[in-house]
Structures are given as structure tokens and as C-alpha cells.
Amino acid sequence: MSGISLNFTSLFGQNNVAAQMLSDMPLTTYESLAIQPLAQELDTIQLQIQSLQQQNSAWQTLQSDAQAVLGDLQNLANGNTLNAMTATSSDPGVMNATAGSDAPPGTYLMTVVQLAQAEIVGAGSTTITNPDASLNLTQATLTIGWGTSQFSIAVTPSTTLNQIVTAINQSGGPFVAQAVQVGSDYALEVFGTQTATSLTFGGSSTAWQALGILNSSGQPNVVQAATSAEIQFQGNTVTSSTDTFSSVLPNVNLQVQALGSVTITVGPDYGADAQAVQKFAQDWNQWVQDTYKLAFGTQPFTATAGSSVTVSLNSNQVIQSPVPMMEVNQVAAQLATFIDHASGYSLGDLGVQFQNGSFTLSVNTATLESQLSSNLNGVQQFFVTLASTVGQSLQDFAGSVNSTISQVLGQDNQQISQDQQQVATLQTEEQQTMQSAQNQYLAFLQALNQMMAQQNVFQALSSTLSSGG
């Protein structure tokens, strides 16, 4: 009955007490009053769930930030990042090179003898004057082989040259075909799309000869032979099916471009090493900024001597706990004061310094690269000890198991689950209360109907007696 609108005056007449009562208390109002306490409780719990979910998201952000910082330190410590190598070519037009970690440093002379190329076959002598005319070939299944794979093309007397071109291109093989004009005639030409492997033609040598693929001796009309790439290095010839070589030098990829001789120089890439340290600083800054944003009560500000400071409340704060800022303070203090006694380095010696008035780090790239190039082992040793010093603190705070954040997330998720169960219970109770209110309202209407029926009988009887009936 919810949502039904009744005109009680029409039902019960003007100046009727029942009609006025029901107009003042329609069913929707009656239902709303009945479930009001439940609705208020539902709103409160749902707001609590929303708040917990926002807190969870904020804690997860800080967990991800701190884990990124820990991961950066661990990579710097275990040699995954401070071992970058670079390879340069004396003539990139002949050969390009890239080096991975553990590539052997040195200078290497190489000569490109041959480039890899795919085979081109066809365009031999034919009598085809119209590529769209029937070729009158004997019905057959032609095959093109590439390695151990075979691709079939069916021909009949009515098949045209252009239809054969289409069939070859739709066969799915590593080749493409086209009809080419040779003098006043047309012929078939097939281009391999893979290098170093020759194409074979079977099924009907007569048909292939008529198409210009085979000559009168049954041999392919090779326009360009399939070849491997070849490099001469230290008196040996190295081949590759493509123009890329990965086995000439360990962890060095070579890409040949043209014939000729080049010198490949492999050495440390201090710029890439510096980027790894910069990533640590960037991830640290992100953690600091997110902690201020999500867990600090006021907006960050920089105080200047002799000037007044206006402190603004932080409307983005979601986490009320002081733990995140305490953790940042603790790790920042460790970073700022840490000195590796084995190498004698501090972060400042490497060009990594805290900016004035904040916990964020800045990196002087020139200083950092200078230290890397002069004492790479010392820098690596510094990060080994630094990771050991602050790593456990970060793990205790942001680890995925038994950490401060994992425990908070576990407690919040448990509370969210309990609240969601309570919401489901209240929603069921709300529906039951709504149904009960509807039943009570209907019973009230039925009672009023009975009263009105009795009133009508009484009025009719009174009218009859008054008229002397």
C-alpha cells in the first residue's frame, strides 16, 4: 500500500473526524514514523562504514609508499640497481648496442659482413597478359613451404592471377604475394616476411612455372636470397637469423644496420645508477607528502624568522592516529644522522639532502654521479648498511604481515564486516517494521469503515423515525 494516495474526505464526507485524522496521517507518514529509529541507526552505521573504508584506503596508501621506499633501499643494497652498464657504438649507422647488468666492460672491434634478409621469388617469364583473366591451369593444390610448415592454395582452370595473389595472402603464411608486370606480361612474385629461411614451392611445377615462380628447369626464380646476418669478432664468424645478436658478448644485445666495422665500448652507466638513487628520494618524498596529507591535522607550512604564521586545518586528514607521522619522524632522523663507518659516507656526501623546513629529499646529480664514478663499491656498501639500519623499522610499520598497518587494516576490516552484518539485520528489521505498519494501517481503515457503516445505519434509522415512518 505504500505510495498510494487516498482522498479521505471523498470517502467519509466533509467535516468528518475520521477523514481529518487519516488526511493528517497518510500511510507514508505512518511508515516513516514506524521505521524512523531504525533508519537513524542505519545512517549512523553506514557513515561509520564509509569512514572506516576511507581510513583503510589512506592506510593502504601509506603502506604502499613505505614499501616502495623499503624496496628502493633493498635494491640499492643488493646490487640490483647500482650495477647498470651501458654500451656505445663508434658508428650507430652500422651497429647499435645495449648492455644489461654484468656485461663485461671493455672495447670490442666487430665487422658486419652480412645483413639478414628475407627471400623474394618470382617475376619470371610468363604468357599472362591479363591478371584478371582465367589462366586455364590444371586443377591442383599448390603449396608454399616455410621451414616445416606448408600452406595450400587451390587452383582451377578458371582461377586468375589476382585470385591466386589473394589466396596466398590469406593463407596465413610468413609471406605476401603480388602480381607484377614484366614487359607486356604479368607474373607472380612472393615476398618472405621472415629472414634467413628459403621458401619452397610444391604441388604442380607446371602451374608455378606458368605463374613465373619457377623457371624452365623447375628452380625458383630468386630475386633476393634468404640470408642470415653475420658478424666477424675475434677471428670468428657469428650468425643470426635476424639482425639482432645476443650471444656475441654476455648481456649485450647488438643490432646491425649496415655492412662495416665498428668499435663497441661497454662500461658502467653512472647516470642510470644515479636515477636509482633519485627514485629512492622521489618515493621517500611521496611517502612524506601523503603522510602530511592523510594523517596530519594542519596544513604544512614553512616558518620564517620574525614573521607570523597562520596554521590552517587539514581538510584531507583521514587518519587520526599519530603513528604515521611518528614513523616518518623516526626514519627521517635515522636517514639524517646515518654514517656508514666502512665507507665514511652519509647521504649528504652523496648529494642527497633534506630540504630546509621539510622532511623531503633533494638530489644533487653531479655530486652523486661523481661519487658513483670514483667509488662505486663504497656507495654500494653505504646502501647495504643503510638498508640494514632502517629496513626493519619500515618493515615493522608497513609490512604485509604483523606490521602496524597490517594490524590496523585487519581490525578495521573486521569492524567493517561486523557493521555490514548489522546493516543487513537492520534492513531486514526495517522491512518487517514497514510491513507491520502497513498491516496496522489497513486494520485501522477497516475499523473506520465498520464505524462509518454503523453510523450510516443509525442515521438512516433516525431519519425514518423523525419522518414518522
Protein backbone atom coordinates (compact mmCIF):
# COMPACT_ATOMS: atom_id res chain seq x y z
CA MET A 1 0.00 0.00 0.00
CA SER A 2 2.98 2.30 0.37
CA GLY A 3 2.81 5.20 -2.06
CA ILE A 4 -0.99 5.05 -2.54
CA SER A 5 -2.74 8.44 -2.10
CA LEU A 6 -6.37 8.39 -0.89
CA ASN A 7 -8.90 11.25 -0.67
CA PHE A 8 -10.43 10.53 2.73
CA THR A 9 -12.86 13.46 2.53
CA SER A 10 -14.48 11.89 -0.53
CA LEU A 11 -14.68 8.57 1.29
CA PHE A 12 -16.05 9.79 4.61
CA GLY A 13 -17.58 13.16 3.76
CA GLN A 14 -16.94 16.76 4.82
CA ASN A 15 -16.31 17.65 8.47
CA ASN A 16 -15.68 14.01 9.29
CA VAL A 17 -13.34 13.35 12.17
CA ALA A 18 -12.05 10.10 10.64
CA ALA A 19 -11.34 11.79 7.33
CA GLN A 20 -9.37 14.55 9.05
CA MET A 21 -7.34 12.02 11.07
CA LEU A 22 -6.40 9.99 8.02
CA SER A 23 -5.53 13.09 5.97
CA ASP A 24 -3.21 14.26 8.74
CA MET A 25 -1.60 10.80 8.97
CA PRO A 26 -1.25 9.24 5.48
CA LEU A 27 0.31 5.79 5.11
CA THR A 28 3.72 7.15 4.03
CA THR A 29 3.94 9.28 7.19
CA TYR A 30 2.84 6.34 9.33
CA GLU A 31 5.50 4.11 7.75
CA SER A 32 8.19 6.79 8.13
CA LEU A 33 7.43 7.24 11.83
CA ALA A 34 7.47 3.49 12.39
CA ILE A 35 10.94 2.95 10.89
CA GLN A 36 12.50 6.27 11.95
CA PRO A 37 14.62 4.84 14.81
CA LEU A 38 15.88 2.04 12.55
CA ALA A 39 16.64 4.47 9.71
CA GLN A 40 18.64 6.71 12.02
CA GLU A 41 20.63 3.73 13.30
CA LEU A 42 21.25 2.59 9.71
CA ASP A 43 22.52 6.03 8.71
CA THR A 44 24.90 6.07 11.67
CA ILE A 45 26.34 2.65 10.89
CA GLN A 46 26.68 3.34 7.16
CA LEU A 47 28.54 6.58 7.91
CA GLN A 48 30.82 4.58 10.19
CA ILE A 49 31.47 2.05 7.41
CA GLN A 50 32.24 4.86 4.97
CA SER A 51 34.66 6.43 7.45
CA LEU A 52 36.41 3.09 8.06
CA GLN A 53 36.73 2.46 4.33
CA GLN A 54 38.27 5.90 3.83
CA GLN A 55 40.72 5.21 6.66
CA ASN A 56 41.57 1.83 5.14
CA SER A 57 42.32 3.44 1.79
CA ALA A 58 44.55 6.02 3.47
CA TRP A 59 46.46 3.39 5.46
CA GLN A 60 46.93 1.33 2.29
CA THR A 61 48.34 4.38 0.52
CA LEU A 62 50.91 4.92 3.28
CA GLN A 63 51.70 1.21 3.33
CA SER A 64 52.37 1.25 -0.41
CA ASP A 65 54.51 4.39 -0.07
CA ALA A 66 56.65 2.99 2.75
CA GLN A 67 57.05 -0.36 1.00
CA ALA A 68 58.27 1.49 -2.13
CA VAL A 69 60.94 3.24 -0.04
CA LEU A 70 61.96 -0.07 1.54
CA GLY A 71 62.09 -1.74 -1.89
CA ASP A 72 64.31 1.04 -3.25
CA LEU A 73 66.75 0.66 -0.35
CA GLN A 74 66.83 -3.12 -0.71
CA ASN A 75 67.52 -2.85 -4.45
CA LEU A 76 70.32 -0.36 -3.84
CA ALA A 77 71.75 -2.68 -1.20
CA ASN A 78 71.61 -5.98 -3.05
CA GLY A 79 73.17 -4.74 -6.28
CA ASN A 80 70.02 -4.91 -8.39
CA THR A 81 70.27 -1.24 -9.33
CA LEU A 82 73.81 0.03 -8.73
CA ASN A 83 75.26 -2.19 -11.45
CA ALA A 84 73.92 -0.57 -14.61
CA MET A 85 76.07 -0.91 -17.71
CA THR A 86 75.97 0.99 -20.99
CA ALA A 87 77.21 0.11 -24.46
CA THR A 88 78.09 2.67 -27.14
CA SER A 89 78.92 2.22 -30.80
CA SER A 90 81.51 4.14 -32.79
CA ASP A 91 79.09 4.06 -35.74
CA PRO A 92 75.39 3.56 -34.85
CA GLY A 93 74.64 3.53 -38.58
CA VAL A 94 76.41 0.17 -38.79
CA MET A 95 75.61 -1.30 -35.36
CA ASN A 96 73.76 -0.28 -32.18
CA ALA A 97 74.34 -1.89 -28.79
CA THR A 98 72.61 -2.07 -25.40
CA ALA A 99 74.09 -3.61 -22.25
CA GLY A 100 72.50 -5.26 -19.24
CA SER A 101 73.90 -5.67 -15.77
CA ASP A 102 77.05 -7.79 -15.51
CA ALA A 103 78.01 -7.05 -19.13
CA PRO A 104 81.81 -7.32 -19.44
CA PRO A 105 83.40 -3.85 -19.59
CA GLY A 106 85.81 -3.28 -22.42
CA THR A 107 86.27 -2.18 -26.04
CA TYR A 108 85.40 -4.63 -28.81
CA LEU A 109 86.06 -4.41 -32.58
CA MET A 110 83.39 -6.05 -34.77
CA THR A 111 82.68 -6.22 -38.51
CA VAL A 112 79.23 -6.67 -40.03
CA VAL A 113 79.72 -8.97 -43.01
CA GLN A 114 76.10 -9.63 -43.97
CA LEU A 115 72.60 -8.49 -43.02
CA ALA A 116 69.69 -10.85 -42.56
CA GLN A 117 67.14 -10.68 -45.34
CA ALA A 118 64.02 -12.50 -46.44
CA GLU A 119 63.65 -14.29 -49.76
CA ILE A 120 61.89 -12.81 -52.80
CA VAL A 121 60.86 -15.28 -55.53
CA GLY A 122 59.09 -14.89 -58.89
CA ALA A 123 58.57 -12.38 -61.70
CA GLY A 124 59.86 -14.93 -64.22
CA SER A 125 58.84 -15.29 -67.84
CA THR A 126 55.08 -15.90 -68.45
CA THR A 127 52.38 -15.51 -71.09
CA ILE A 128 49.86 -13.87 -68.75
CA THR A 129 48.57 -10.72 -70.45
CA ASN A 130 45.63 -10.02 -68.11
CA PRO A 131 45.84 -10.65 -64.32
CA ASP A 132 42.02 -10.94 -64.14
CA ALA A 133 41.68 -13.50 -66.93
CA SER A 134 41.30 -17.27 -66.40
CA LEU A 135 44.69 -18.98 -66.50
CA ASN A 136 43.36 -22.36 -67.73
CA LEU A 137 45.55 -24.16 -65.20
CA THR A 138 45.00 -27.83 -64.44
CA GLN A 139 43.05 -28.19 -61.21
CA ALA A 140 45.57 -28.66 -58.41
CA THR A 141 46.55 -27.77 -54.85
CA LEU A 142 49.68 -25.65 -54.78
CA THR A 143 51.82 -25.45 -51.63
CA ILE A 144 54.30 -22.94 -50.28
CA GLY A 145 56.66 -24.27 -47.63
CA TRP A 146 58.49 -22.29 -44.97
CA GLY A 147 60.64 -24.43 -42.72
CA THR A 148 58.47 -27.39 -41.71
CA SER A 149 55.19 -25.55 -42.34
CA GLN A 150 53.14 -25.95 -45.51
CA PHE A 151 50.43 -23.56 -46.79
CA SER A 152 47.96 -24.63 -49.51
CA ILE A 153 46.41 -22.70 -52.41
CA ALA A 154 43.75 -24.35 -54.60
CA VAL A 155 43.63 -23.54 -58.36
CA THR A 156 41.18 -24.49 -61.12
CA PRO A 157 41.08 -23.70 -64.86
CA SER A 158 39.04 -20.55 -64.12
CA THR A 159 41.43 -19.19 -61.46
CA THR A 160 43.04 -15.80 -62.26
CA LEU A 161 46.44 -14.42 -61.26
CA ASN A 162 44.85 -11.86 -58.92
CA GLN A 163 42.78 -14.62 -57.26
CA ILE A 164 45.98 -16.57 -56.60
CA VAL A 165 47.56 -13.44 -55.10
CA THR A 166 44.55 -13.07 -52.77
CA ALA A 167 44.61 -16.76 -51.79
CA ILE A 168 48.33 -16.65 -50.95
CA ASN A 169 47.91 -13.51 -48.83
CA GLN A 170 45.00 -15.12 -46.97
CA SER A 171 46.80 -18.43 -46.35
CA GLY A 172 48.38 -17.23 -43.10
CA GLY A 173 51.94 -17.97 -44.16
CA PRO A 174 55.01 -15.79 -43.49
CA PHE A 175 54.91 -14.28 -46.97
CA VAL A 176 52.96 -11.86 -49.16
CA ALA A 177 52.27 -12.00 -52.89
CA GLN A 178 51.62 -9.52 -55.65
CA ALA A 179 51.09 -9.50 -59.40
CA VAL A 180 53.89 -7.62 -61.18
CA GLN A 181 54.20 -6.55 -64.77
CA VAL A 182 57.20 -7.88 -66.69
CA GLY A 183 57.37 -6.19 -70.07
CA SER A 184 53.91 -6.68 -71.59
CA ASP A 185 53.10 -9.72 -69.44
CA TYR A 186 52.23 -10.29 -65.76
CA ALA A 187 53.82 -12.67 -63.26
CA LEU A 188 53.55 -13.70 -59.62
CA GLU A 189 56.06 -12.50 -57.02
CA VAL A 190 56.22 -13.82 -53.45
CA PHE A 191 57.99 -11.92 -50.62
CA GLY A 192 59.02 -13.72 -47.46
CA THR A 193 58.36 -11.84 -44.23
CA GLN A 194 60.87 -13.85 -42.17
CA THR A 195 64.61 -13.71 -42.69
CA ALA A 196 67.15 -16.48 -43.25
CA THR A 197 64.73 -19.22 -44.38
CA SER A 198 64.04 -20.03 -48.06
CA LEU A 199 60.57 -20.69 -49.47
CA THR A 200 59.73 -23.93 -51.28
CA PHE A 201 57.03 -24.42 -53.93
CA GLY A 202 55.21 -27.70 -54.46
CA GLY A 203 52.04 -29.26 -55.80
CA SER A 204 52.41 -28.52 -59.52
CA SER A 205 55.67 -27.33 -61.01
CA THR A 206 53.82 -26.64 -64.29
CA ALA A 207 51.47 -24.21 -62.56
CA TRP A 208 54.29 -22.48 -60.69
CA GLN A 209 56.25 -22.17 -63.95
CA ALA A 210 53.21 -20.66 -65.69
CA LEU A 211 52.96 -18.11 -62.86
CA GLY A 212 56.64 -17.11 -63.16
CA ILE A 213 57.75 -18.62 -59.84
CA LEU A 214 59.79 -21.49 -61.30
CA ASN A 215 61.99 -21.41 -64.41
CA SER A 216 62.03 -23.99 -67.20
CA SER A 217 64.39 -26.16 -65.13
CA GLY A 218 61.95 -26.22 -62.18
CA GLN A 219 64.15 -23.97 -60.00
CA PRO A 220 62.81 -20.88 -58.18
CA ASN A 221 63.37 -17.52 -59.85
CA VAL A 222 65.15 -16.00 -56.85
CA VAL A 223 65.10 -12.20 -56.89
CA GLN A 224 66.66 -11.97 -53.41
CA ALA A 225 68.08 -14.89 -51.47
CA ALA A 226 67.22 -15.52 -47.82
CA THR A 227 70.34 -14.89 -45.73
CA SER A 228 71.41 -14.81 -42.10
CA ALA A 229 73.19 -11.86 -40.54
CA GLU A 230 76.91 -12.37 -39.97
CA ILE A 231 79.41 -10.65 -37.66
CA GLN A 232 83.13 -11.27 -37.50
CA PHE A 233 84.51 -10.95 -33.98
CA GLN A 234 87.91 -12.04 -32.66
CA GLY A 235 88.53 -14.20 -35.73
CA ASN A 236 85.16 -15.99 -35.51
CA THR A 237 82.03 -15.60 -37.62
CA VAL A 238 78.79 -15.36 -35.64
CA THR A 239 75.44 -15.77 -37.43
CA SER A 240 71.89 -14.82 -36.54
CA SER A 241 68.59 -15.41 -38.32
CA THR A 242 67.74 -11.76 -37.65
CA ASP A 243 69.74 -8.56 -37.48
CA THR A 244 69.88 -8.88 -33.68
CA PHE A 245 72.68 -10.69 -31.84
CA SER A 246 72.54 -11.62 -28.15
CA SER A 247 75.34 -14.19 -27.89
CA VAL A 248 78.41 -12.28 -29.09
CA LEU A 249 79.02 -10.67 -25.68
CA PRO A 250 77.31 -11.70 -22.40
CA ASN A 251 74.36 -9.46 -21.52
CA VAL A 252 74.92 -7.26 -24.59
CA ASN A 253 72.41 -7.00 -27.44
CA LEU A 254 73.68 -5.92 -30.85
CA GLN A 255 71.50 -4.59 -33.67
CA VAL A 256 73.22 -4.49 -37.08
CA GLN A 257 72.16 -1.78 -39.53
CA ALA A 258 74.67 -1.91 -42.40
CA LEU A 259 77.94 -3.50 -43.51
CA GLY A 260 81.12 -2.16 -41.95
CA SER A 261 83.36 -2.20 -38.89
CA VAL A 262 82.59 -0.62 -35.51
CA THR A 263 84.01 -0.39 -32.02
CA ILE A 264 81.59 -1.29 -29.18
CA THR A 265 82.52 0.15 -25.77
CA VAL A 266 80.92 -1.35 -22.65
CA GLY A 267 81.22 0.35 -19.24
CA PRO A 268 79.34 1.40 -16.08
CA ASP A 269 76.28 3.60 -16.55
CA TYR A 270 76.58 6.05 -13.66
CA GLY A 271 73.63 8.06 -14.95
CA ALA A 272 71.33 5.03 -14.59
CA ASP A 273 72.80 4.34 -11.13
CA ALA A 274 72.05 7.91 -10.13
CA GLN A 275 68.45 7.51 -11.33
CA ALA A 276 68.06 4.55 -8.96
CA VAL A 277 69.10 6.77 -6.04
CA GLN A 278 66.80 9.52 -7.30
CA LYS A 279 63.92 7.04 -7.32
CA PHE A 280 64.56 6.35 -3.64
CA ALA A 281 64.40 10.11 -2.95
CA GLN A 282 61.23 10.51 -5.02
CA ASP A 283 59.46 7.60 -3.32
CA TRP A 284 60.52 8.95 0.08
CA ASN A 285 59.09 12.39 -0.79
CA GLN A 286 55.82 10.77 -1.88
CA TRP A 287 55.54 8.97 1.45
CA VAL A 288 56.20 12.19 3.38
CA GLN A 289 53.67 14.17 1.32
CA ASP A 290 50.96 11.51 1.66
CA THR A 291 51.57 11.25 5.40
CA TYR A 292 51.15 15.00 5.83
CA LYS A 293 48.04 14.93 3.67
CA LEU A 294 46.29 11.93 5.23
CA ALA A 295 47.48 11.83 8.84
CA PHE A 296 48.41 15.36 9.93
CA GLY A 297 45.94 17.78 11.49
CA THR A 298 47.19 21.00 9.91
CA GLN A 299 48.44 22.10 6.52
CA PRO A 300 52.25 22.01 6.17
CA PHE A 301 53.91 25.41 6.43
CA THR A 302 57.41 26.85 6.40
CA ALA A 303 58.25 29.20 9.24
CA THR A 304 60.38 32.28 8.56
CA ALA A 305 62.21 34.01 11.40
CA GLY A 306 60.43 37.14 12.56
CA SER A 307 57.23 36.50 10.61
CA SER A 308 53.80 35.46 11.83
CA VAL A 309 52.47 32.04 10.87
CA THR A 310 48.84 31.15 10.13
CA VAL A 311 48.08 27.49 10.68
CA SER A 312 45.23 26.01 8.63
CA LEU A 313 43.38 22.82 9.46
CA ASN A 314 43.95 19.97 7.03
CA SER A 315 40.60 19.06 5.47
CA ASN A 316 42.16 15.99 3.81
CA GLN A 317 43.10 14.32 7.08
CA VAL A 318 41.56 10.85 7.31
CA ILE A 319 43.82 9.06 9.80
CA GLN A 320 43.58 10.39 13.35
CA SER A 321 46.40 8.23 14.71
CA PRO A 322 49.78 9.92 15.40
CA VAL A 323 51.64 6.74 14.37
CA PRO A 324 52.25 7.62 10.67
CA MET A 325 53.92 10.96 11.49
CA MET A 326 55.91 9.34 14.27
CA GLU A 327 57.21 6.75 11.81
CA VAL A 328 58.23 9.39 9.26
CA ASN A 329 59.96 11.37 12.01
CA GLN A 330 61.82 8.28 13.21
CA VAL A 331 63.05 7.19 9.77
CA ALA A 332 63.92 10.77 8.78
CA ALA A 333 66.09 11.08 11.89
CA GLN A 334 67.84 7.82 11.04
CA LEU A 335 68.50 8.96 7.46
CA ALA A 336 69.72 12.39 8.51
CA THR A 337 72.23 11.12 11.06
CA PHE A 338 73.35 7.89 9.43
CA ILE A 339 77.04 7.47 8.57
CA ASP A 340 78.48 4.24 7.19
CA HIS A 341 81.76 3.79 9.00
CA ALA A 342 83.10 1.35 6.38
CA SER A 343 82.80 3.84 3.50
CA GLY A 344 82.70 7.05 5.56
CA TYR A 345 79.65 8.21 3.58
CA SER A 346 76.50 9.97 4.72
CA LEU A 347 73.54 10.78 2.46
CA GLY A 348 74.79 14.36 2.24
CA ASP A 349 78.17 13.17 0.96
CA LEU A 350 76.32 11.54 -1.96
CA GLY A 351 74.44 14.73 -2.77
CA VAL A 352 71.19 13.57 -1.11
CA GLN A 353 69.98 16.14 1.42
CA PHE A 354 66.85 17.08 3.34
CA GLN A 355 65.33 20.33 2.12
CA ASN A 356 65.10 23.17 4.62
CA GLY A 357 61.87 23.20 6.61
CA SER A 358 60.63 19.81 5.41
CA PHE A 359 61.35 16.11 5.52
CA THR A 360 61.65 15.86 1.72
CA LEU A 361 64.89 14.93 -0.03
CA SER A 362 66.65 16.59 -2.94
CA VAL A 363 69.46 15.08 -5.05
CA ASN A 364 72.47 16.87 -6.47
CA THR A 365 73.03 14.72 -9.54
CA ALA A 366 76.52 15.99 -10.27
CA THR A 367 77.74 15.18 -6.77
CA LEU A 368 76.07 11.78 -6.81
CA GLU A 369 77.48 10.74 -10.19
CA SER A 370 80.95 11.92 -9.13
CA GLN A 371 80.85 9.69 -6.06
CA LEU A 372 79.50 6.77 -8.08
CA SER A 373 82.24 7.04 -10.67
CA SER A 374 85.02 7.46 -8.09
CA ASN A 375 83.92 4.83 -5.56
CA LEU A 376 81.02 2.67 -6.75
CA ASN A 377 81.83 -0.08 -4.26
CA GLY A 378 81.83 2.43 -1.41
CA VAL A 379 78.40 3.76 -2.44
CA GLN A 380 77.07 0.21 -2.64
CA GLN A 381 78.44 -0.54 0.81
CA PHE A 382 76.76 2.61 2.17
CA PHE A 383 73.33 1.47 0.98
CA VAL A 384 73.89 -2.06 2.29
CA THR A 385 74.37 -0.69 5.80
CA LEU A 386 71.64 1.96 5.43
CA ALA A 387 69.07 -0.63 4.33
CA SER A 388 70.00 -2.78 7.30
CA THR A 389 69.63 0.19 9.68
CA VAL A 390 66.22 1.49 8.62
CA GLY A 391 64.80 -1.58 6.88
CA GLN A 392 63.42 -3.25 9.99
CA SER A 393 61.67 -0.08 11.10
CA LEU A 394 59.98 0.23 7.70
CA GLN A 395 59.05 -3.46 7.71
CA ASP A 396 57.54 -3.19 11.20
CA PHE A 397 55.44 -0.24 10.07
CA ALA A 398 54.36 -1.21 6.55
CA GLY A 399 54.97 -4.93 6.07
CA SER A 400 52.16 -7.09 4.77
CA VAL A 401 52.28 -9.41 7.82
CA ASN A 402 52.29 -8.49 11.53
CA SER A 403 53.13 -4.84 10.86
CA THR A 404 51.44 -1.81 12.41
CA ILE A 405 49.48 -1.13 9.24
CA SER A 406 48.50 -4.75 8.62
CA GLN A 407 47.11 -4.95 12.16
CA VAL A 408 45.14 -1.70 11.72
CA LEU A 409 43.74 -2.91 8.39
CA GLY A 410 42.80 -6.25 9.94
CA GLN A 411 40.95 -4.57 12.82
CA ASP A 412 39.19 -2.11 10.51
CA ASN A 413 38.15 -4.83 8.08
CA GLN A 414 36.78 -6.90 10.94
CA GLN A 415 34.77 -3.91 12.17
CA ILE A 416 33.52 -3.19 8.63
CA SER A 417 32.38 -6.80 8.30
CA GLN A 418 30.52 -6.62 11.62
CA ASP A 419 28.92 -3.30 10.67
CA GLN A 420 27.82 -4.67 7.29
CA GLN A 421 26.21 -7.64 9.02
CA GLN A 422 24.41 -5.23 11.35
CA VAL A 423 23.25 -3.18 8.35
CA ALA A 424 21.79 -6.32 6.76
CA THR A 425 19.99 -7.17 10.02
CA LEU A 426 18.60 -3.64 10.38
CA GLN A 427 17.46 -3.60 6.76
CA THR A 428 15.57 -6.84 7.32
CA GLU A 429 14.06 -5.43 10.52
CA GLU A 430 13.15 -2.24 8.65
CA GLN A 431 11.25 -4.23 6.03
CA GLN A 432 9.44 -6.17 8.72
CA THR A 433 8.54 -2.98 10.58
CA MET A 434 7.29 -1.44 7.33
CA GLN A 435 5.07 -4.45 6.69
CA SER A 436 3.76 -4.35 10.24
CA ALA A 437 2.95 -0.62 9.88
CA GLN A 438 1.07 -1.30 6.67
CA ASN A 439 -0.92 -4.08 8.35
CA GLN A 440 -1.77 -1.83 11.29
CA TYR A 441 -2.84 0.98 8.97
CA LEU A 442 -5.04 -1.39 6.98
CA ALA A 443 -6.65 -2.65 10.19
CA PHE A 444 -7.29 0.96 11.21
CA LEU A 445 -9.01 1.64 7.88
CA GLN A 446 -11.15 -1.47 8.24
CA ALA A 447 -12.22 -0.40 11.76
CA LEU A 448 -13.16 3.07 10.48
CA ASN A 449 -15.14 1.52 7.63
CA GLN A 450 -17.11 -0.54 10.12
CA MET A 451 -17.73 2.53 12.27
CA MET A 452 -18.93 4.50 9.23
CA ALA A 453 -21.23 1.68 8.20
CA GLN A 454 -22.77 1.64 11.68
CA GLN A 455 -23.10 5.43 11.61
CA ASN A 456 -24.88 5.28 8.26
CA VAL A 457 -27.36 2.69 9.59
CA PHE A 458 -28.01 4.83 12.68
CA GLN A 459 -28.53 7.96 10.59
CA ALA A 460 -30.95 6.14 8.28
CA LEU A 461 -32.92 4.81 11.26
CA SER A 462 -33.04 8.25 12.86
CA SER A 463 -34.27 9.81 9.64
CA THR A 464 -37.03 7.21 9.37
CA LEU A 465 -38.19 7.78 12.96
CA SER A 466 -38.13 11.56 12.50
CA SER A 467 -40.36 11.35 9.47
CA GLY A 468 -42.91 9.23 11.41
CA GLY A 469 -42.23 6.10 9.34
